[in-house]
Amino acid sequence: MRIPLNSIHTMRATGAKPRTSEDGFAVFVVIVLLAIMVSLAISNNVALGHLHRELRLLDKRHQKRYESEKATNAPHAAAVASTRERAAGLSDSSERPPKE
């Protein structure tokens, strides 16, 4: 479809301004701003991944530390058994009538 040459002259006469290089510059600025926003979003995701990995490592260290403290603070099985026997002996002797 061909546009008649006289219609171009009438558009300019009616107030429609011709395209300038400023329109292209505005598009360029918008594209640059979008690129900056995308790079910030990607860098935030990368930083979040690093923090998540570090948090998992800290959690594993704390679990190991807790398990070792739990093992060292736990009484030995023999000590628990002798304490139960003594407690059972005390409860048995308290049920007996006192000797005269």
PDB file of N, CA and C in Angstrom:
ATOM      1  N   MET A   1       0.836  -1.162   0.000  1.00  0.00           N
ATOM      2  CA  MET A   1       0.000   0.000   0.000  1.00  0.00           C
ATOM      3  C   MET A   1       0.895   1.244   0.000  1.00  0.00           C
ATOM      4  N   ARG A   2       0.623   2.092  -0.897  1.00  0.00           N
ATOM      5  CA  ARG A   2       1.411   3.309  -1.033  1.00  0.00           C
ATOM      6  C   ARG A   2       0.673   4.474  -0.395  1.00  0.00           C
ATOM      7  N   ILE A   3       1.424   5.286   0.329  1.00  0.00           N
ATOM      8  CA  ILE A   3       0.860   6.482   0.935  1.00  0.00           C
ATOM      9  C   ILE A   3       1.145   7.652  -0.010  1.00  0.00           C
ATOM     10  N   PRO A   4       0.121   8.391  -0.360  1.00  0.00           N
ATOM     11  CA  PRO A   4       0.357   9.521  -1.255  1.00  0.00           C
ATOM     12  C   PRO A   4       1.248  10.568  -0.603  1.00  0.00           C
ATOM     13  N   LEU A   5       2.060  11.184  -1.361  1.00  0.00           N
ATOM     14  CA  LEU A   5       3.015  12.153  -0.879  1.00  0.00           C
ATOM     15  C   LEU A   5       2.341  13.369  -0.262  1.00  0.00           C
ATOM     16  N   ASN A   6       1.197  13.750  -0.748  1.00  0.00           N
ATOM     17  CA  ASN A   6       0.532  14.927  -0.213  1.00  0.00           C
ATOM     18  C   ASN A   6      -0.029  14.693   1.191  1.00  0.00           C
ATOM     19  N   SER A   7      -0.315  13.424   1.568  1.00  0.00           N
ATOM     20  CA  SER A   7      -0.812  13.164   2.929  1.00  0.00           C
ATOM     21  C   SER A   7       0.279  13.373   3.971  1.00  0.00           C
ATOM     22  N   ILE A   8       1.529  13.127   3.629  1.00  0.00           N
ATOM     23  CA  ILE A   8       2.644  13.376   4.546  1.00  0.00           C
ATOM     24  C   ILE A   8       2.757  14.866   4.815  1.00  0.00           C
ATOM     25  N   HIS A   9       2.594  15.679   3.777  1.00  0.00           N
ATOM     26  CA  HIS A   9       2.656  17.118   3.960  1.00  0.00           C
ATOM     27  C   HIS A   9       1.496  17.616   4.806  1.00  0.00           C
ATOM     28  N   THR A  10       0.325  17.001   4.665  1.00  0.00           N
ATOM     29  CA  THR A  10      -0.830  17.444   5.458  1.00  0.00           C
ATOM     30  C   THR A  10      -0.660  17.062   6.921  1.00  0.00           C
ATOM     31  N   MET A  11      -0.003  15.903   7.236  1.00  0.00           N
ATOM     32  CA  MET A  11       0.223  15.520   8.632  1.00  0.00           C
ATOM     33  C   MET A  11       1.151  16.517   9.301  1.00  0.00           C
ATOM     34  N   ARG A  12       2.152  16.945   8.618  1.00  0.00           N
ATOM     35  CA  ARG A  12       3.064  17.923   9.199  1.00  0.00           C
ATOM     36  C   ARG A  12       2.375  19.263   9.397  1.00  0.00           C
ATOM     37  N   ALA A  13       1.503  19.566   8.536  1.00  0.00           N
ATOM     38  CA  ALA A  13       0.810  20.846   8.630  1.00  0.00           C
ATOM     39  C   ALA A  13      -0.217  20.837   9.755  1.00  0.00           C
ATOM     40  N   THR A  14      -0.765  19.668  10.094  1.00  0.00           N
ATOM     41  CA  THR A  14      -1.793  19.605  11.133  1.00  0.00           C
ATOM     42  C   THR A  14      -1.212  19.562  12.536  1.00  0.00           C
ATOM     43  N   GLY A  15       0.056  19.438  12.706  1.00  0.00           N
ATOM     44  CA  GLY A  15       0.641  19.480  14.042  1.00  0.00           C
ATOM     45  C   GLY A  15       1.318  18.197  14.469  1.00  0.00           C
ATOM     46  N   ALA A  16       1.246  17.137  13.691  1.00  0.00           N
ATOM     47  CA  ALA A  16       1.945  15.905  14.032  1.00  0.00           C
ATOM     48  C   ALA A  16       3.423  16.134  13.811  1.00  0.00           C
ATOM     49  N   LYS A  17       4.209  15.946  14.862  1.00  0.00           N
ATOM     50  CA  LYS A  17       5.630  16.230  14.721  1.00  0.00           C
ATOM     51  C   LYS A  17       6.375  15.005  14.199  1.00  0.00           C
ATOM     52  N   PRO A  18       7.379  15.237  13.417  1.00  0.00           N
ATOM     53  CA  PRO A  18       8.140  14.102  12.884  1.00  0.00           C
ATOM     54  C   PRO A  18       8.981  13.454  13.985  1.00  0.00           C
ATOM     55  N   ARG A  19       9.338  12.214  13.772  1.00  0.00           N
ATOM     56  CA  ARG A  19      10.149  11.499  14.757  1.00  0.00           C
ATOM     57  C   ARG A  19      11.546  12.087  14.806  1.00  0.00           C
ATOM     58  N   THR A  20      12.035  12.170  16.019  1.00  0.00           N
ATOM     59  CA  THR A  20      13.388  12.688  16.194  1.00  0.00           C
ATOM     60  C   THR A  20      14.242  11.628  16.864  1.00  0.00           C
ATOM     61  N   SER A  21      15.501  11.949  17.036  1.00  0.00           N
ATOM     62  CA  SER A  21      16.397  10.996  17.690  1.00  0.00           C
ATOM     63  C   SER A  21      16.102  10.902  19.181  1.00  0.00           C
ATOM     64  N   GLU A  22      15.358  11.850  19.738  1.00  0.00           N
ATOM     65  CA  GLU A  22      15.022  11.805  21.163  1.00  0.00           C
ATOM     66  C   GLU A  22      14.124  10.621  21.486  1.00  0.00           C
ATOM     67  N   ASP A  23      13.239  10.239  20.552  1.00  0.00           N
ATOM     68  CA  ASP A  23      12.375   9.081  20.775  1.00  0.00           C
ATOM     69  C   ASP A  23      13.208   7.811  20.908  1.00  0.00           C
ATOM     70  N   GLY A  24      14.216   7.664  20.111  1.00  0.00           N
ATOM     71  CA  GLY A  24      15.097   6.499  20.202  1.00  0.00           C
ATOM     72  C   GLY A  24      15.903   6.506  21.479  1.00  0.00           C
ATOM     73  N   PHE A  25      16.275   7.683  21.940  1.00  0.00           N
ATOM     74  CA  PHE A  25      17.038   7.777  23.180  1.00  0.00           C
ATOM     75  C   PHE A  25      16.189   7.379  24.387  1.00  0.00           C
ATOM     76  N   ALA A  26      14.916   7.722  24.389  1.00  0.00           N
ATOM     77  CA  ALA A  26      14.020   7.338  25.483  1.00  0.00           C
ATOM     78  C   ALA A  26      13.877   5.824  25.546  1.00  0.00           C
ATOM     79  N   VAL A  27      13.768   5.183  24.411  1.00  0.00           N
ATOM     80  CA  VAL A  27      13.688   3.715  24.373  1.00  0.00           C
ATOM     81  C   VAL A  27      14.974   3.117  24.907  1.00  0.00           C
ATOM     82  N   PHE A  28      16.089   3.699  24.513  1.00  0.00           N
ATOM     83  CA  PHE A  28      17.389   3.217  25.000  1.00  0.00           C
ATOM     84  C   PHE A  28      17.482   3.340  26.522  1.00  0.00           C
ATOM     85  N   VAL A  29      17.034   4.449  27.082  1.00  0.00           N
ATOM     86  CA  VAL A  29      17.071   4.650  28.537  1.00  0.00           C
ATOM     87  C   VAL A  29      16.193   3.621  29.234  1.00  0.00           C
ATOM     88  N   VAL A  30      15.014   3.352  28.701  1.00  0.00           N
ATOM     89  CA  VAL A  30      14.118   2.360  29.309  1.00  0.00           C
ATOM     90  C   VAL A  30      14.757   0.974  29.273  1.00  0.00           C
ATOM     91  N   ILE A  31      15.389   0.621  28.162  1.00  0.00           N
ATOM     92  CA  ILE A  31      16.044  -0.694  28.061  1.00  0.00           C
ATOM     93  C   ILE A  31      17.200  -0.791  29.050  1.00  0.00           C
ATOM     94  N   VAL A  32      17.967   0.274  29.212  1.00  0.00           N
ATOM     95  CA  VAL A  32      19.079   0.266  30.169  1.00  0.00           C
ATOM     96  C   VAL A  32      18.547   0.106  31.597  1.00  0.00           C
ATOM     97  N   LEU A  33      17.472   0.818  31.931  1.00  0.00           N
ATOM     98  CA  LEU A  33      16.891   0.685  33.276  1.00  0.00           C
ATOM     99  C   LEU A  33      16.379  -0.736  33.518  1.00  0.00           C
ATOM    100  N   LEU A  34      15.756  -1.329  32.521  1.00  0.00           N
ATOM    101  CA  LEU A  34      15.299  -2.717  32.659  1.00  0.00           C
ATOM    102  C   LEU A  34      16.476  -3.667  32.856  1.00  0.00           C
ATOM    103  N   ALA A  35      17.553  -3.439  32.136  1.00  0.00           N
ATOM    104  CA  ALA A  35      18.744  -4.289  32.284  1.00  0.00           C
ATOM    105  C   ALA A  35      19.326  -4.167  33.686  1.00  0.00           C
ATOM    106  N   ILE A  36      19.339  -2.950  34.231  1.00  0.00           N
ATOM    107  CA  ILE A  36      19.844  -2.757  35.598  1.00  0.00           C
ATOM    108  C   ILE A  36      18.952  -3.481  36.596  1.00  0.00           C
ATOM    109  N   MET A  37      17.641  -3.387  36.414  1.00  0.00           N
ATOM    110  CA  MET A  37      16.717  -4.065  37.333  1.00  0.00           C
ATOM    111  C   MET A  37      16.881  -5.580  37.271  1.00  0.00           C
ATOM    112  N   VAL A  38      17.057  -6.115  36.070  1.00  0.00           N
ATOM    113  CA  VAL A  38      17.242  -7.566  35.929  1.00  0.00           C
ATOM    114  C   VAL A  38      18.543  -8.004  36.577  1.00  0.00           C
ATOM    115  N   SER A  39      19.618  -7.230  36.406  1.00  0.00           N
ATOM    116  CA  SER A  39      20.890  -7.604  37.022  1.00  0.00           C
ATOM    117  C   SER A  39      20.801  -7.554  38.545  1.00  0.00           C
ATOM    118  N   LEU A  40      20.070  -6.582  39.085  1.00  0.00           N
ATOM    119  CA  LEU A  40      19.884  -6.544  40.544  1.00  0.00           C
ATOM    120  C   LEU A  40      19.085  -7.740  41.038  1.00  0.00           C
ATOM    121  N   ALA A  41      18.052  -8.121  40.310  1.00  0.00           N
ATOM    122  CA  ALA A  41      17.250  -9.284  40.708  1.00  0.00           C
ATOM    123  C   ALA A  41      18.092 -10.557  40.678  1.00  0.00           C
ATOM    124  N   ILE A  42      18.913 -10.715  39.654  1.00  0.00           N
ATOM    125  CA  ILE A  42      19.762 -11.907  39.557  1.00  0.00           C
ATOM    126  C   ILE A  42      20.793 -11.925  40.681  1.00  0.00           C
ATOM    127  N   SER A  43      21.408 -10.777  40.959  1.00  0.00           N
ATOM    128  CA  SER A  43      22.410 -10.750  42.035  1.00  0.00           C
ATOM    129  C   SER A  43      21.769 -11.013  43.394  1.00  0.00           C
ATOM    130  N   ASN A  44      20.541 -10.559  43.603  1.00  0.00           N
ATOM    131  CA  ASN A  44      19.846 -10.856  44.854  1.00  0.00           C
ATOM    132  C   ASN A  44      19.575 -12.350  44.985  1.00  0.00           C
ATOM    133  N   ASN A  45      19.189 -12.994  43.893  1.00  0.00           N
ATOM    134  CA  ASN A  45      18.955 -14.440  43.940  1.00  0.00           C
ATOM    135  C   ASN A  45      20.244 -15.199  44.242  1.00  0.00           C
ATOM    136  N   VAL A  46      21.340 -14.767  43.656  1.00  0.00           N
ATOM    137  CA  VAL A  46      22.626 -15.424  43.912  1.00  0.00           C
ATOM    138  C   VAL A  46      23.013 -15.253  45.381  1.00  0.00           C
ATOM    139  N   ALA A  47      22.871 -14.040  45.907  1.00  0.00           N
ATOM    140  CA  ALA A  47      23.205 -13.794  47.321  1.00  0.00           C
ATOM    141  C   ALA A  47      22.308 -14.610  48.236  1.00  0.00           C
ATOM    142  N   LEU A  48      21.033 -14.719  47.887  1.00  0.00           N
ATOM    143  CA  LEU A  48      20.114 -15.513  48.694  1.00  0.00           C
ATOM    144  C   LEU A  48      20.506 -16.985  48.688  1.00  0.00           C
ATOM    145  N   GLY A  49      20.956 -17.481  47.556  1.00  0.00           N
ATOM    146  CA  GLY A  49      21.424 -18.874  47.483  1.00  0.00           C
ATOM    147  C   GLY A  49      22.641 -19.101  48.358  1.00  0.00           C
ATOM    148  N   HIS A  50      23.577 -18.145  48.355  1.00  0.00           N
ATOM    149  CA  HIS A  50      24.765 -18.267  49.210  1.00  0.00           C
ATOM    150  C   HIS A  50      24.375 -18.246  50.690  1.00  0.00           C
ATOM    151  N   LEU A  51      23.462 -17.370  51.048  1.00  0.00           N
ATOM    152  CA  LEU A  51      23.024 -17.307  52.446  1.00  0.00           C
ATOM    153  C   LEU A  51      22.305 -18.586  52.860  1.00  0.00           C
ATOM    154  N   HIS A  52      21.504 -19.150  51.955  1.00  0.00           N
ATOM    155  CA  HIS A  52      20.797 -20.390  52.271  1.00  0.00           C
ATOM    156  C   HIS A  52      21.792 -21.531  52.497  1.00  0.00           C
ATOM    157  N   ARG A  53      22.834 -21.601  51.655  1.00  0.00           N
ATOM    158  CA  ARG A  53      23.857 -22.647  51.819  1.00  0.00           C
ATOM    159  C   ARG A  53      24.607 -22.461  53.130  1.00  0.00           C
ATOM    160  N   GLU A  54      24.932 -21.224  53.474  1.00  0.00           N
ATOM    161  CA  GLU A  54      25.644 -20.960  54.723  1.00  0.00           C
ATOM    162  C   GLU A  54      24.778 -21.310  55.935  1.00  0.00           C
ATOM    163  N   LEU A  55      23.498 -21.028  55.833  1.00  0.00           N
ATOM    164  CA  LEU A  55      22.584 -21.366  56.928  1.00  0.00           C
ATOM    165  C   LEU A  55      22.497 -22.878  57.132  1.00  0.00           C
ATOM    166  N   ARG A  56      22.477 -23.631  56.029  1.00  0.00           N
ATOM    167  CA  ARG A  56      22.463 -25.094  56.160  1.00  0.00           C
ATOM    168  C   ARG A  56      23.739 -25.598  56.819  1.00  0.00           C
ATOM    169  N   LEU A  57      24.892 -25.025  56.451  1.00  0.00           N
ATOM    170  CA  LEU A  57      26.159 -25.440  57.061  1.00  0.00           C
ATOM    171  C   LEU A  57      26.171 -25.126  58.559  1.00  0.00           C
ATOM    172  N   LEU A  58      25.690 -23.949  58.937  1.00  0.00           N
ATOM    173  CA  LEU A  58      25.626 -23.602  60.356  1.00  0.00           C
ATOM    174  C   LEU A  58      24.691 -24.532  61.104  1.00  0.00           C
ATOM    175  N   ASP A  59      23.578 -24.886  60.486  1.00  0.00           N
ATOM    176  CA  ASP A  59      22.636 -25.792  61.126  1.00  0.00           C
ATOM    177  C   ASP A  59      23.272 -27.159  61.350  1.00  0.00           C
ATOM    178  N   LYS A  60      24.032 -27.644  60.364  1.00  0.00           N
ATOM    179  CA  LYS A  60      24.712 -28.934  60.529  1.00  0.00           C
ATOM    180  C   LYS A  60      25.746 -28.865  61.651  1.00  0.00           C
ATOM    181  N   ARG A  61      26.496 -27.752  61.719  1.00  0.00           N
ATOM    182  CA  ARG A  61      27.491 -27.608  62.792  1.00  0.00           C
ATOM    183  C   ARG A  61      26.830 -27.603  64.160  1.00  0.00           C
ATOM    184  N   HIS A  62      25.728 -26.882  64.276  1.00  0.00           N
ATOM    185  CA  HIS A  62      25.039 -26.828  65.571  1.00  0.00           C
ATOM    186  C   HIS A  62      24.462 -28.183  65.949  1.00  0.00           C
ATOM    187  N   GLN A  63      23.945 -28.919  64.965  1.00  0.00           N
ATOM    188  CA  GLN A  63      23.429 -30.252  65.264  1.00  0.00           C
ATOM    189  C   GLN A  63      24.546 -31.173  65.729  1.00  0.00           C
ATOM    190  N   LYS A  64      25.712 -31.100  65.094  1.00  0.00           N
ATOM    191  CA  LYS A  64      26.846 -31.926  65.539  1.00  0.00           C
ATOM    192  C   LYS A  64      27.268 -31.533  66.951  1.00  0.00           C
ATOM    193  N   ARG A  65      27.325 -30.235  67.215  1.00  0.00           N
ATOM    194  CA  ARG A  65      27.708 -29.764  68.542  1.00  0.00           C
ATOM    195  C   ARG A  65      26.690 -30.211  69.588  1.00  0.00           C
ATOM    196  N   TYR A  66      25.416 -30.122  69.253  1.00  0.00           N
ATOM    197  CA  TYR A  66      24.368 -30.534  70.191  1.00  0.00           C
ATOM    198  C   TYR A  66      24.451 -32.024  70.472  1.00  0.00           C
ATOM    199  N   GLU A  67      24.704 -32.810  69.421  1.00  0.00           N
ATOM    200  CA  GLU A  67      24.814 -34.258  69.617  1.00  0.00           C
ATOM    201  C   GLU A  67      26.019 -34.600  70.491  1.00  0.00           C
ATOM    202  N   SER A  68      27.133 -33.903  70.310  1.00  0.00           N
ATOM    203  CA  SER A  68      28.310 -34.202  71.127  1.00  0.00           C
ATOM    204  C   SER A  68      28.073 -33.766  72.580  1.00  0.00           C
ATOM    205  N   GLU A  69      27.407 -32.633  72.789  1.00  0.00           N
ATOM    206  CA  GLU A  69      27.096 -32.215  74.157  1.00  0.00           C
ATOM    207  C   GLU A  69      26.105 -33.167  74.795  1.00  0.00           C
ATOM    208  N   LYS A  70      25.163 -33.635  74.016  1.00  0.00           N
ATOM    209  CA  LYS A  70      24.164 -34.573  74.526  1.00  0.00           C
ATOM    210  C   LYS A  70      24.840 -35.874  74.950  1.00  0.00           C
ATOM    211  N   ALA A  71      25.819 -36.311  74.164  1.00  0.00           N
ATOM    212  CA  ALA A  71      26.513 -37.560  74.481  1.00  0.00           C
ATOM    213  C   ALA A  71      27.409 -37.388  75.705  1.00  0.00           C
ATOM    214  N   THR A  72      28.058 -36.240  75.863  1.00  0.00           N
ATOM    215  CA  THR A  72      28.960 -36.064  76.996  1.00  0.00           C
ATOM    216  C   THR A  72      28.200 -35.784  78.286  1.00  0.00           C
ATOM    217  N   ASN A  73      27.038 -35.190  78.183  1.00  0.00           N
ATOM    218  CA  ASN A  73      26.260 -34.882  79.382  1.00  0.00           C
ATOM    219  C   ASN A  73      25.369 -36.033  79.813  1.00  0.00           C
ATOM    220  N   ALA A  74      25.220 -37.035  78.989  1.00  0.00           N
ATOM    221  CA  ALA A  74      24.368 -38.164  79.335  1.00  0.00           C
ATOM    222  C   ALA A  74      25.073 -39.033  80.376  1.00  0.00           C
ATOM    223  N   PRO A  75      24.348 -39.491  81.376  1.00  0.00           N
ATOM    224  CA  PRO A  75      24.966 -40.369  82.371  1.00  0.00           C
ATOM    225  C   PRO A  75      25.235 -41.747  81.779  1.00  0.00           C
ATOM    226  N   HIS A  76      26.211 -42.431  82.335  1.00  0.00           N
ATOM    227  CA  HIS A  76      26.528 -43.776  81.879  1.00  0.00           C
ATOM    228  C   HIS A  76      25.415 -44.718  82.278  1.00  0.00           C
ATOM    229  N   ALA A  77      25.270 -45.775  81.512  1.00  0.00           N
ATOM    230  CA  ALA A  77      24.198 -46.736  81.768  1.00  0.00           C
ATOM    231  C   ALA A  77      24.376 -47.399  83.135  1.00  0.00           C
ATOM    232  N   ALA A  78      25.611 -47.659  83.549  1.00  0.00           N
ATOM    233  CA  ALA A  78      25.858 -48.288  84.849  1.00  0.00           C
ATOM    234  C   ALA A  78      25.441 -47.360  85.984  1.00  0.00           C
ATOM    235  N   ALA A  79      25.727 -46.078  85.834  1.00  0.00           N
ATOM    236  CA  ALA A  79      25.347 -45.120  86.875  1.00  0.00           C
ATOM    237  C   ALA A  79      23.842 -45.012  86.976  1.00  0.00           C
ATOM    238  N   VAL A  80      23.166 -45.054  85.855  1.00  0.00           N
ATOM    239  CA  VAL A  80      21.705 -44.983  85.871  1.00  0.00           C
ATOM    240  C   VAL A  80      21.131 -46.220  86.538  1.00  0.00           C
ATOM    241  N   ALA A  81      21.704 -47.398  86.226  1.00  0.00           N
ATOM    242  CA  ALA A  81      21.204 -48.643  86.799  1.00  0.00           C
ATOM    243  C   ALA A  81      21.434 -48.677  88.308  1.00  0.00           C
ATOM    244  N   SER A  82      22.605 -48.256  88.780  1.00  0.00           N
ATOM    245  CA  SER A  82      22.873 -48.294  90.214  1.00  0.00           C
ATOM    246  C   SER A  82      21.991 -47.292  90.957  1.00  0.00           C
ATOM    247  N   THR A  83      21.720 -46.148  90.328  1.00  0.00           N
ATOM    248  CA  THR A  83      20.838 -45.164  90.955  1.00  0.00           C
ATOM    249  C   THR A  83      19.429 -45.719  91.063  1.00  0.00           C
ATOM    250  N   ARG A  84      18.986 -46.426  90.046  1.00  0.00           N
ATOM    251  CA  ARG A  84      17.643 -47.031  90.096  1.00  0.00           C
ATOM    252  C   ARG A  84      17.574 -48.106  91.180  1.00  0.00           C
ATOM    253  N   GLU A  85      18.652 -48.882  91.284  1.00  0.00           N
ATOM    254  CA  GLU A  85      18.662 -49.929  92.310  1.00  0.00           C
ATOM    255  C   GLU A  85      18.608 -49.317  93.702  1.00  0.00           C
ATOM    256  N   ARG A  86      19.385 -48.245  93.901  1.00  0.00           N
ATOM    257  CA  ARG A  86      19.365 -47.592  95.211  1.00  0.00           C
ATOM    258  C   ARG A  86      18.003 -46.998  95.503  1.00  0.00           C
ATOM    259  N   ALA A  87      17.402 -46.409  94.477  1.00  0.00           N
ATOM    260  CA  ALA A  87      16.083 -45.822  94.669  1.00  0.00           C
ATOM    261  C   ALA A  87      15.068 -46.914  94.965  1.00  0.00           C
ATOM    262  N   ALA A  88      15.201 -48.044  94.299  1.00  0.00           N
ATOM    263  CA  ALA A  88      14.285 -49.156  94.554  1.00  0.00           C
ATOM    264  C   ALA A  88      14.520 -49.716  95.953  1.00  0.00           C
ATOM    265  N   GLY A  89      15.782 -49.781  96.405  1.00  0.00           N
ATOM    266  CA  GLY A  89      16.093 -50.259  97.742  1.00  0.00           C
ATOM    267  C   GLY A  89      15.550 -49.318  98.800  1.00  0.00           C
ATOM    268  N   LEU A  90      15.608 -48.055  98.597  1.00  0.00           N
ATOM    269  CA  LEU A  90      15.069 -47.085  99.550  1.00  0.00           C
ATOM    270  C   LEU A  90      13.561 -47.174  99.627  1.00  0.00           C
ATOM    271  N   SER A  91      12.928 -47.371  98.491  1.00  0.00           N
ATOM    272  CA  SER A  91      11.466 -47.451  98.514  1.00  0.00           C
ATOM    273  C   SER A  91      11.031 -48.757  99.163  1.00  0.00           C
ATOM    274  N   ASP A  92      11.812 -49.840  98.990  1.00  0.00           N
ATOM    275  CA  ASP A  92      11.473 -51.106  99.640  1.00  0.00           C
ATOM    276  C   ASP A  92      11.661 -50.998 101.146  1.00  0.00           C
ATOM    277  N   SER A  93      12.708 -50.366 101.606  1.00  0.00           N
ATOM    278  CA  SER A  93      12.975 -50.276 103.023  1.00  0.00           C
ATOM    279  C   SER A  93      11.992 -49.328 103.708  1.00  0.00           C
ATOM    280  N   SER A  94      11.462 -48.353 102.993  1.00  0.00           N
ATOM    281  CA  SER A  94      10.513 -47.444 103.607  1.00  0.00           C
ATOM    282  C   SER A  94       9.157 -48.110 103.793  1.00  0.00           C
ATOM    283  N   GLU A  95       8.868 -49.151 103.027  1.00  0.00           N
ATOM    284  CA  GLU A  95       7.607 -49.848 103.153  1.00  0.00           C
ATOM    285  C   GLU A  95       7.632 -50.854 104.323  1.00  0.00           C
ATOM    286  N   ARG A  96       8.818 -51.272 104.727  1.00  0.00           N
ATOM    287  CA  ARG A  96       8.908 -52.240 105.822  1.00  0.00           C
ATOM    288  C   ARG A  96       8.688 -51.530 107.149  1.00  0.00           C
ATOM    289  N   PRO A  97       8.120 -52.256 108.051  1.00  0.00           N
ATOM    290  CA  PRO A  97       7.960 -51.651 109.392  1.00  0.00           C
ATOM    291  C   PRO A  97       9.310 -51.533 110.068  1.00  0.00           C
ATOM    292  N   PRO A  98       9.499 -50.509 110.837  1.00  0.00           N
ATOM    293  CA  PRO A  98      10.807 -50.319 111.522  1.00  0.00           C
ATOM    294  C   PRO A  98      11.075 -51.458 112.504  1.00  0.00           C
ATOM    295  N   LYS A  99      12.345 -51.803 112.616  1.00  0.00           N
ATOM    296  CA  LYS A  99      12.744 -52.867 113.539  1.00  0.00           C
ATOM    297  C   LYS A  99      12.802 -52.328 114.950  1.00  0.00           C
ATOM    298  N   GLU A 100      12.394 -53.160 115.895  1.00  0.00           N
ATOM    299  CA  GLU A 100      12.413 -52.745 117.287  1.00  0.00           C
ATOM    300  C   GLU A 100      13.541 -53.325 118.015  1.00  0.00           C
TER     301      GLU A 100
END
